[in-house]
């Protein structure tokens, strides 16, 4: 069985390819997803369920000419995975090259919730981790 971090890696890989079937295969049918793109697309509510993920991908295509999420750290905490890395995006009147964080919650091998943070610190603090992280 894949680790939770491996499942989250599959989420990022499927998103990078805009591979809807692969994305839905690792997400619970009742997933709740909270990305900043929702605000830019005029949404006040998170994306819910598989249909919500399809809507999210359509919103990404509408709001951004390009959007890449590049996590470089995966921390497993029981049923959650905290990721940090960078987001690169550009669209009409917007360019982003910034640190980012994600917190994913999983159950029975599927992602049930995802939240994107505009800073690494935000993701750490949301997961109850110390900031700054201890140095090795």
Protein backbone atom coordinates (compact mmCIF):
# COMPACT_ATOMS: atom_id res chain seq x y z
CA UNK A 1 0.00 0.00 0.00
CA UNK A 2 1.27 3.47 -0.89
CA UNK A 3 2.22 5.88 1.88
CA UNK A 4 0.16 9.02 2.34
CA UNK A 5 3.08 11.07 0.99
CA UNK A 6 3.15 8.86 -2.13
CA UNK A 7 -0.57 9.43 -2.66
CA UNK A 8 -0.10 13.20 -2.33
CA UNK A 9 2.76 13.02 -4.85
CA UNK A 10 0.26 11.40 -7.23
CA UNK A 11 -2.10 14.35 -6.68
CA UNK A 12 0.60 16.83 -7.69
CA UNK A 13 1.67 14.71 -10.67
CA UNK A 14 -1.92 14.38 -11.92
CA UNK A 15 -2.49 18.12 -11.46
CA UNK A 16 0.71 18.92 -13.38
CA UNK A 17 -0.54 16.80 -16.31
CA UNK A 18 -4.13 18.08 -15.87
CA UNK A 19 -5.02 14.38 -15.83
CA UNK A 20 -8.56 14.37 -14.43
CA UNK A 21 -9.01 10.56 -14.22
CA UNK A 22 -5.69 10.16 -12.36
CA UNK A 23 -6.57 13.02 -10.00
CA UNK A 24 -10.02 11.63 -9.21
CA UNK A 25 -8.54 8.15 -8.66
CA UNK A 26 -6.62 9.38 -5.58
CA UNK A 27 -9.33 11.73 -4.23
CA UNK A 28 -12.37 10.78 -2.18
CA UNK A 29 -15.69 11.48 -3.95
CA UNK A 30 -16.48 13.93 -1.11
CA UNK A 31 -13.11 15.78 -1.16
CA UNK A 32 -13.08 19.41 -0.02
CA UNK A 33 -10.37 21.56 -1.63
CA UNK A 34 -9.45 25.13 -0.60
CA UNK A 35 -7.08 26.81 -3.13
CA UNK A 36 -6.43 30.57 -3.60
CA UNK A 37 -7.49 30.22 -7.24
CA UNK A 38 -11.08 29.91 -6.01
CA UNK A 39 -11.02 33.53 -4.79
CA UNK A 40 -9.56 34.70 -8.10
CA UNK A 41 -12.32 32.80 -9.91
CA UNK A 42 -14.97 34.55 -7.79
CA UNK A 43 -15.76 31.65 -5.45
CA UNK A 44 -16.43 32.04 -1.75
CA UNK A 45 -16.76 28.33 -1.05
CA UNK A 46 -14.24 25.49 -1.40
CA UNK A 47 -14.42 23.04 -4.29
CA UNK A 48 -16.38 19.97 -3.21
CA UNK A 49 -16.36 16.44 -4.57
CA UNK A 50 -15.13 15.14 -7.89
CA UNK A 51 -17.30 17.63 -9.74
CA UNK A 52 -15.70 20.39 -7.68
CA UNK A 53 -12.24 19.23 -8.79
CA UNK A 54 -13.38 19.35 -12.41
CA UNK A 55 -14.66 22.89 -11.80
CA UNK A 56 -11.36 23.80 -10.14
CA UNK A 57 -9.38 22.65 -13.17
CA UNK A 58 -11.70 24.66 -15.43
CA UNK A 59 -11.18 27.71 -13.21
CA UNK A 60 -7.40 27.20 -13.33
CA UNK A 61 -7.55 27.18 -17.13
CA UNK A 62 -9.69 30.34 -17.11
CA UNK A 63 -7.68 32.32 -14.52
CA UNK A 64 -4.13 31.22 -15.37
CA UNK A 65 -2.24 30.72 -18.61
CA UNK A 66 0.13 28.56 -16.59
CA UNK A 67 0.02 27.28 -13.00
CA UNK A 68 2.64 24.94 -11.55
CA UNK A 69 2.84 23.66 -8.00
CA UNK A 70 6.28 22.33 -7.12
CA UNK A 71 6.46 20.81 -3.64
CA UNK A 72 9.89 19.81 -2.41
CA UNK A 73 9.07 18.70 1.14
CA UNK A 74 6.58 16.08 2.35
CA UNK A 75 5.98 15.56 6.07
CA UNK A 76 3.63 12.76 7.14
CA UNK A 77 1.60 13.39 10.30
CA UNK A 78 -0.86 10.56 10.96
CA UNK A 79 -3.69 11.20 8.48
CA UNK A 80 -2.16 14.43 7.11
CA UNK A 81 0.68 15.32 4.79
CA UNK A 82 2.25 18.77 4.97
CA UNK A 83 4.03 19.91 1.83
CA UNK A 84 6.08 22.99 1.14
CA UNK A 85 7.57 24.27 -2.08
CA UNK A 86 6.84 26.94 -4.66
CA UNK A 87 4.02 28.00 -6.93
CA UNK A 88 4.64 29.51 -10.34
CA UNK A 89 1.74 31.08 -12.19
CA UNK A 90 0.96 33.68 -14.77
CA UNK A 91 -2.23 34.96 -16.23
CA UNK A 92 -3.80 38.19 -17.37
CA UNK A 93 -2.25 40.88 -15.18
CA UNK A 94 -0.81 38.41 -12.65
CA UNK A 95 2.55 36.73 -12.14
CA UNK A 96 3.38 34.57 -9.13
CA UNK A 97 6.68 33.01 -8.16
CA UNK A 98 6.30 32.41 -4.45
CA UNK A 99 6.73 29.95 -1.62
CA UNK A 100 3.65 27.91 -0.81
CA UNK A 101 2.40 25.23 1.53
CA UNK A 102 -0.24 22.55 1.38
CA UNK A 103 -1.93 20.43 4.02
CA UNK A 104 -3.67 17.28 2.80
CA UNK A 105 -5.83 14.96 4.89
CA UNK A 106 -6.28 11.35 3.82
CA UNK A 107 -8.55 8.48 4.78
CA UNK A 108 -8.42 4.91 3.48
CA UNK A 109 -5.81 5.79 0.86
CA UNK A 110 -7.71 8.75 -0.62
CA UNK A 111 -7.38 12.51 -0.19
CA UNK A 112 -10.43 13.87 1.65
CA UNK A 113 -9.28 17.47 2.14
CA UNK A 114 -6.65 19.79 0.74
CA UNK A 115 -5.81 23.34 1.67
CA UNK A 116 -3.29 25.61 -0.05
CA UNK A 117 -1.40 28.22 1.99
CA UNK A 118 0.32 31.23 0.53
CA UNK A 119 3.36 30.63 2.75
CA UNK A 120 5.29 27.65 4.04
CA UNK A 121 4.81 28.99 7.54
CA UNK A 122 1.03 28.96 7.08
CA UNK A 123 1.04 25.26 6.28
CA UNK A 124 3.36 24.43 9.17
CA UNK A 125 1.28 26.38 11.66
CA UNK A 126 -2.01 24.94 10.36
CA UNK A 127 -0.59 21.47 10.98
CA UNK A 128 0.66 22.39 14.46
CA UNK A 129 4.33 22.24 13.48
CA UNK A 130 6.97 24.59 14.88
CA UNK A 131 8.06 27.51 12.74
CA UNK A 132 10.78 27.90 11.73
CA UNK A 133 11.50 24.20 11.34
CA UNK A 134 14.43 22.90 13.33
CA UNK A 135 17.67 22.67 11.39
CA UNK A 136 19.13 19.17 10.87
